[in-house]
C-alpha atoms as a PDB file:
ATOM      1  CA  MET A   1      95.465  40.171 219.486  1.00  0.00           C
ATOM      2  CA  THR A   2      98.031  42.946 219.963  1.00  0.00           C
ATOM      3  CA  GLU A   3      99.951  41.753 216.976  1.00  0.00           C
ATOM      4  CA  ARG A   4      96.809  41.830 214.880  1.00  0.00           C
ATOM      5  CA  ALA A   5      95.912  45.313 216.150  1.00  0.00           C
ATOM      6  CA  ASP A   6      99.437  46.556 215.422  1.00  0.00           C
ATOM      7  CA  HIS A   7      99.209  45.127 211.940  1.00  0.00           C
ATOM      8  CA  LEU A   8      95.873  46.895 211.352  1.00  0.00           C
ATOM      9  CA  VAL A   9      97.305  50.179 212.658  1.00  0.00           C
ATOM     10  CA  GLN A  10     100.255  49.828 210.274  1.00  0.00           C
ATOM     11  CA  LEU A  11      97.903  49.127 207.351  1.00  0.00           C
ATOM     12  CA  ARG A  12      95.814  52.150 208.299  1.00  0.00           C
ATOM     13  CA  ARG A  13      98.897  54.374 208.464  1.00  0.00           C
ATOM     14  CA  ALA A  14     100.110  53.112 205.079  1.00  0.00           C
ATOM     15  CA  ASP A  15      96.671  53.802 203.565  1.00  0.00           C
ATOM     16  CA  SER A  16      96.645  57.270 205.077  1.00  0.00           C
ATOM     17  CA  GLN A  17     100.144  57.997 203.734  1.00  0.00           C
ATOM     18  CA  LEU A  18      99.120  56.790 200.283  1.00  0.00           C
ATOM     19  CA  LYS A  19      96.050  59.044 200.318  1.00  0.00           C
ATOM     20  CA  ALA A  20      98.117  61.998 201.567  1.00  0.00           C
ATOM     21  CA  SER A  21     100.588  61.403 198.746  1.00  0.00           C
ATOM     22  CA  ARG A  22      97.707  61.386 196.212  1.00  0.00           C
ATOM     23  CA  VAL A  23      96.406  64.643 197.690  1.00  0.00           C
ATOM     24  CA  ARG A  24      99.825  66.306 197.422  1.00  0.00           C
ATOM     25  CA  THR A  25     100.257  65.092 193.837  1.00  0.00           C
ATOM     26  CA  ALA A  26      96.782  66.315 192.876  1.00  0.00           C
ATOM     27  CA  LEU A  27      97.439  69.644 194.603  1.00  0.00           C
ATOM     28  CA  GLU A  28     100.672  70.180 192.684  1.00  0.00           C
ATOM     29  CA  ALA A  29      98.964  69.291 189.386  1.00  0.00           C
ATOM     30  CA  MET A  30      96.055  71.648 190.072  1.00  0.00           C
ATOM     31  CA  ALA A  31      98.405  74.478 191.037  1.00  0.00           C
ATOM     32  CA  GLU A  32     100.527  74.029 187.906  1.00  0.00           C
ATOM     33  CA  ALA A  33      97.418  73.899 185.713  1.00  0.00           C
ATOM     34  CA  GLY A  34      96.096  77.090 187.286  1.00  0.00           C
ATOM     35  CA  GLU A  35      92.885  75.411 188.411  1.00  0.00           C
ATOM     36  CA  PRO A  36      90.908  76.873 191.313  1.00  0.00           C
ATOM     37  CA  LEU A  37      92.178  75.427 194.578  1.00  0.00           C
ATOM     38  CA  ALA A  38      89.295  74.258 196.746  1.00  0.00           C
ATOM     39  CA  VAL A  39      88.970  71.365 199.156  1.00  0.00           C
ATOM     40  CA  ALA A  40      86.100  69.736 197.236  1.00  0.00           C
ATOM     41  CA  ALA A  41      87.915  69.865 193.881  1.00  0.00           C
ATOM     42  CA  LEU A  42      91.142  68.598 195.447  1.00  0.00           C
ATOM     43  CA  ALA A  43      89.323  65.706 197.157  1.00  0.00           C
ATOM     44  CA  ARG A  44      87.650  64.702 193.887  1.00  0.00           C
ATOM     45  CA  ARG A  45      90.913  64.792 191.976  1.00  0.00           C
ATOM     46  CA  ALA A  46      92.825  62.828 194.640  1.00  0.00           C
ATOM     47  CA  ARG A  47      89.904  60.374 195.080  1.00  0.00           C
ATOM     48  CA  VAL A  48      89.661  60.954 198.821  1.00  0.00           C
ATOM     49  CA  SER A  49      86.922  62.360 201.001  1.00  0.00           C
ATOM     50  CA  ARG A  50      86.832  66.022 201.919  1.00  0.00           C
ATOM     51  CA  ARG A  51      86.861  64.885 205.520  1.00  0.00           C
ATOM     52  CA  PHE A  52      90.281  63.299 204.957  1.00  0.00           C
ATOM     53  CA  ILE A  53      91.713  66.672 203.937  1.00  0.00           C
ATOM     54  CA  TYR A  54      90.035  68.457 206.845  1.00  0.00           C
ATOM     55  CA  ASP A  55      91.343  65.813 209.285  1.00  0.00           C
ATOM     56  CA  HIS A  56      94.933  66.415 208.115  1.00  0.00           C
ATOM     57  CA  PRO A  57      95.856  70.027 208.913  1.00  0.00           C
ATOM     58  CA  GLU A  58      99.171  69.772 207.083  1.00  0.00           C
ATOM     59  CA  LEU A  59      97.313  69.006 203.836  1.00  0.00           C
ATOM     60  CA  ARG A  60      94.965  71.920 204.372  1.00  0.00           C
ATOM     61  CA  ALA A  61      97.907  74.193 205.136  1.00  0.00           C
ATOM     62  CA  GLU A  62      99.552  73.183 201.844  1.00  0.00           C
ATOM     63  CA  LEU A  63      96.299  73.888 200.021  1.00  0.00           C
ATOM     64  CA  LEU A  64      96.066  77.350 201.605  1.00  0.00           C
ATOM     65  CA  ARG A  65      99.717  78.074 200.810  1.00  0.00           C
ATOM     66  CA  HIS A  66      99.248  77.159 197.139  1.00  0.00           C
ATOM     67  CA  ALA A  67      96.072  79.249 196.975  1.00  0.00           C
ATOM     68  CA  ALA A  68      97.898  82.247 198.448  1.00  0.00           C
ATOM     69  CA  GLU A  69     100.732  81.842 195.936  1.00  0.00           C
ATOM     70  CA  ALA A  70      98.218  81.697 193.063  1.00  0.00           C
ATOM     71  CA  ALA A  71      96.523  84.846 194.336  1.00  0.00           C
ATOM     72  CA  GLN A  72      99.902  86.595 194.533  1.00  0.00           C
ATOM     73  CA  ARG A  73     100.707  85.594 190.944  1.00  0.00           C
ATOM     74  CA  ASP A  74      97.335  86.926 189.801  1.00  0.00           C
ATOM     75  CA  ARG A  75      97.929  90.240 191.590  1.00  0.00           C
ATOM     76  CA  ALA A  76     101.359  90.535 189.975  1.00  0.00           C
ATOM     77  CA  ALA A  77      99.861  89.861 186.526  1.00  0.00           C
ATOM     78  CA  ILE A  78      97.191  92.512 187.083  1.00  0.00           C
ATOM     79  CA  ASN A  79      99.800  95.043 188.196  1.00  0.00           C
ATOM     80  CA  ALA A  80     101.934  94.248 185.163  1.00  0.00           C
ATOM     81  CA  SER A  81      98.993  94.710 182.801  1.00  0.00           C
ATOM     82  CA  SER A  82      98.125  98.068 184.347  1.00  0.00           C
ATOM     83  CA  LYS A  83     101.733  99.185 183.885  1.00  0.00           C
ATOM     84  CA  VAL A  84     101.461  98.256 180.221  1.00  0.00           C
ATOM     85  CA  SER A  85      98.303 100.322 179.981  1.00  0.00           C
ATOM     86  CA  ILE A  86     100.021 103.346 181.493  1.00  0.00           C
ATOM     87  CA  ALA A  87     102.951 102.917 179.141  1.00  0.00           C
ATOM     88  CA  SER A  88     100.631 102.673 176.139  1.00  0.00           C
ATOM     89  CA  LEU A  89      98.788 105.778 177.304  1.00  0.00           C
ATOM     90  CA  ARG A  90     102.068 107.644 177.533  1.00  0.00           C
ATOM     91  CA  ALA A  91     102.952 106.524 174.013  1.00  0.00           C
ATOM     92  CA  ASP A  92      99.525 107.604 172.763  1.00  0.00           C
ATOM     93  CA  LEU A  93      99.996 110.972 174.448  1.00  0.00           C
ATOM     94  CA  ALA A  94     103.402 111.439 172.819  1.00  0.00           C
ATOM     95  CA  ASN A  95     101.933 110.485 169.430  1.00  0.00           C
ATOM     96  CA  ALA A  96      99.051 112.919 169.905  1.00  0.00           C
ATOM     97  CA  LYS A  97     101.488 115.707 170.797  1.00  0.00           C
ATOM     98  CA  ASP A  98     103.569 114.970 167.689  1.00  0.00           C
ATOM     99  CA  ARG A  99     100.465 114.973 165.512  1.00  0.00           C
ATOM    100  CA  ASN A 100      99.311 118.204 167.117  1.00  0.00           C
ATOM    101  CA  HIS A 101     102.654 119.826 166.274  1.00  0.00           C
ATOM    102  CA  ARG A 102     102.475 118.570 162.680  1.00  0.00           C
ATOM    103  CA  LEU A 103      98.952 119.906 162.283  1.00  0.00           C
ATOM    104  CA  GLU A 104      99.960 123.232 163.765  1.00  0.00           C
ATOM    105  CA  ALA A 105     102.849 123.518 161.282  1.00  0.00           C
ATOM    106  CA  GLU A 106     100.531 122.608 158.418  1.00  0.00           C
ATOM    107  CA  HIS A 107      98.010 125.167 159.669  1.00  0.00           C
ATOM    108  CA  ASN A 108     100.676 127.889 159.705  1.00  0.00           C
ATOM    109  CA  ALA A 109     101.821 126.921 156.197  1.00  0.00           C
ATOM    110  CA  LEU A 110      98.243 127.132 154.936  1.00  0.00           C
ATOM    111  CA  LYS A 111      97.806 130.535 156.545  1.00  0.00           C
ATOM    112  CA  ARG A 112     100.966 131.723 154.823  1.00  0.00           C
ATOM    113  CA  ARG A 113      99.787 130.357 151.461  1.00  0.00           C
ATOM    114  CA  LEU A 114      96.392 131.944 151.963  1.00  0.00           C
ATOM    115  CA  GLY A 115      98.017 135.277 152.622  1.00  0.00           C
ATOM    116  CA  GLN A 116     100.105 134.903 149.483  1.00  0.00           C
ATOM    117  CA  ALA A 117      97.044 133.990 147.422  1.00  0.00           C
ATOM    118  CA  ILE A 118      95.090 136.948 148.736  1.00  0.00           C
ATOM    119  CA  GLY A 119      98.068 139.202 148.084  1.00  0.00           C
ATOM    120  CA  ALA A 120      98.363 137.874 144.539  1.00  0.00           C
ATOM    121  CA  GLU A 121      94.679 138.496 143.983  1.00  0.00           C
ATOM    122  CA  VAL A 122      94.970 142.063 145.249  1.00  0.00           C
ATOM    123  CA  MET A 123      97.970 142.626 143.028  1.00  0.00           C
ATOM    124  CA  ALA A 124      96.083 141.136 140.070  1.00  0.00           C
ATOM    125  CA  ASP A 125      93.156 143.462 140.698  1.00  0.00           C
ATOM    126  CA  ALA A 126      95.505 146.406 140.921  1.00  0.00           C
ATOM    127  CA  SER A 127      97.429 145.485 137.771  1.00  0.00           C
ATOM    128  CA  GLY A 128      94.396 144.430 135.714  1.00  0.00           C
ATOM    129  CA  VAL A 129      95.176 140.701 135.404  1.00  0.00           C
ATOM    130  CA  ALA A 130      92.829 138.775 133.147  1.00  0.00           C
ATOM    131  CA  ALA A 131      89.579 137.376 134.559  1.00  0.00           C
ATOM    132  CA  SER A 132      90.622 133.795 133.841  1.00  0.00           C
ATOM    133  CA  GLU A 133      93.677 134.166 136.084  1.00  0.00           C
ATOM    134  CA  GLN A 134      91.517 135.727 138.766  1.00  0.00           C
ATOM    135  CA  ALA A 135      89.136 132.746 138.560  1.00  0.00           C
ATOM    136  CA  THR A 136      92.092 130.382 138.916  1.00  0.00           C
ATOM    137  CA  LEU A 137      93.372 132.305 141.899  1.00  0.00           C
ATOM    138  CA  GLN A 138      89.882 132.384 143.405  1.00  0.00           C
ATOM    139  CA  ALA A 139      89.605 128.593 143.000  1.00  0.00           C
ATOM    140  CA  LYS A 140      92.983 128.160 144.693  1.00  0.00           C
ATOM    141  CA  LEU A 141      91.911 130.495 147.464  1.00  0.00           C
ATOM    142  CA  THR A 142      88.697 128.540 148.008  1.00  0.00           C
ATOM    143  CA  ALA A 143      90.601 125.251 148.069  1.00  0.00           C
ATOM    144  CA  THR A 144      93.086 126.703 150.537  1.00  0.00           C
ATOM    145  CA  GLU A 145      90.310 127.974 152.775  1.00  0.00           C
ATOM    146  CA  ASP A 146      88.662 124.542 152.686  1.00  0.00           C
ATOM    147  CA  ALA A 147      91.958 122.873 153.558  1.00  0.00           C
ATOM    148  CA  LEU A 148      92.431 125.365 156.381  1.00  0.00           C
ATOM    149  CA  ALA A 149      88.959 124.601 157.756  1.00  0.00           C
ATOM    150  CA  ASP A 150      89.663 120.846 157.581  1.00  0.00           C
ATOM    151  CA  THR A 151      92.978 121.343 159.342  1.00  0.00           C
ATOM    152  CA  ARG A 152      91.306 123.348 162.091  1.00  0.00           C
ATOM    153  CA  GLU A 153      88.754 120.564 162.580  1.00  0.00           C
ATOM    154  CA  GLN A 154      91.546 117.997 162.766  1.00  0.00           C
ATOM    155  CA  LEU A 155      93.389 120.171 165.237  1.00  0.00           C
ATOM    156  CA  ALA A 156      90.271 120.479 167.416  1.00  0.00           C
ATOM    157  CA  ARG A 157      89.761 116.688 167.355  1.00  0.00           C
ATOM    158  CA  CYS A 158      93.390 116.117 168.293  1.00  0.00           C
ATOM    159  CA  ALA A 159      93.094 118.590 171.142  1.00  0.00           C
ATOM    160  CA  GLU A 160      90.023 116.723 172.417  1.00  0.00           C
ATOM    161  CA  GLU A 161      91.798 113.369 172.135  1.00  0.00           C
ATOM    162  CA  LEU A 162      94.794 114.794 173.923  1.00  0.00           C
ATOM    163  CA  ALA A 163      92.624 116.124 176.741  1.00  0.00           C
ATOM    164  CA  ALA A 164      90.887 112.759 177.055  1.00  0.00           C
ATOM    165  CA  ALA A 165      94.230 110.900 177.101  1.00  0.00           C
ATOM    166  CA  ARG A 166      95.531 113.235 179.774  1.00  0.00           C
ATOM    167  CA  GLN A 167      92.407 112.660 181.899  1.00  0.00           C
ATOM    168  CA  ILE A 168      92.705 108.870 181.537  1.00  0.00           C
ATOM    169  CA  ASN A 169      96.391 109.091 182.403  1.00  0.00           C
ATOM    170  CA  ARG A 170      95.628 111.124 185.549  1.00  0.00           C
ATOM    171  CA  GLU A 171      92.944 108.618 186.606  1.00  0.00           C
ATOM    172  CA  LEU A 172      95.191 105.606 186.001  1.00  0.00           C
ATOM    173  CA  LEU A 173      98.089 107.165 187.873  1.00  0.00           C
ATOM    174  CA  ALA A 174      95.777 108.001 190.764  1.00  0.00           C
ATOM    175  CA  SER A 175      94.498 104.423 190.751  1.00  0.00           C
ATOM    176  CA  VAL A 176      98.020 103.004 190.709  1.00  0.00           C
ATOM    177  CA  ASN A 177      99.059 105.355 193.515  1.00  0.00           C
ATOM    178  CA  ARG A 178      96.039 104.342 195.613  1.00  0.00           C
ATOM    179  CA  SER A 179      96.691 100.637 195.078  1.00  0.00           C
ATOM    180  CA  ALA A 180     100.403 101.045 195.847  1.00  0.00           C
ATOM    181  CA  THR A 181      99.678 102.456 199.304  1.00  0.00           C
END
């Protein structure tokens, strides 16, 4: 009877080792596939009972270790994506500053041209230039004033975008600083 009992114990151990091997294989496959790591899902995939996993603390410990590693990878990916966002915000800010400078230069050039046009008109009035030339100069002056108004509107929009980008940048940096501590 002892021999028979020993044989049954050996069969039971072999079955348990086979099931544990299936659980480890299923766990590795689930971890590599990025599937959620839960006891029920692991038991289904390994074709064992949940109780089997709970009765073997080493299997549960492996499951918890893999779950912790997956969570760490997810946190690292989130941190990396927020760094990309900050970098893109910095690039947007630099682009907005460059555009602001270009618009300011264009604005100054238009002011200079407007002054020249007004001066030419005054000179034409003083020297008795023909009415057709005055109409041409007046049309140019009107066009220049319209362009100046458009440029001012663009400049105001850029200033608003720049202020918004700066605010977002401050909030993101504060968020990153809070999460880093």
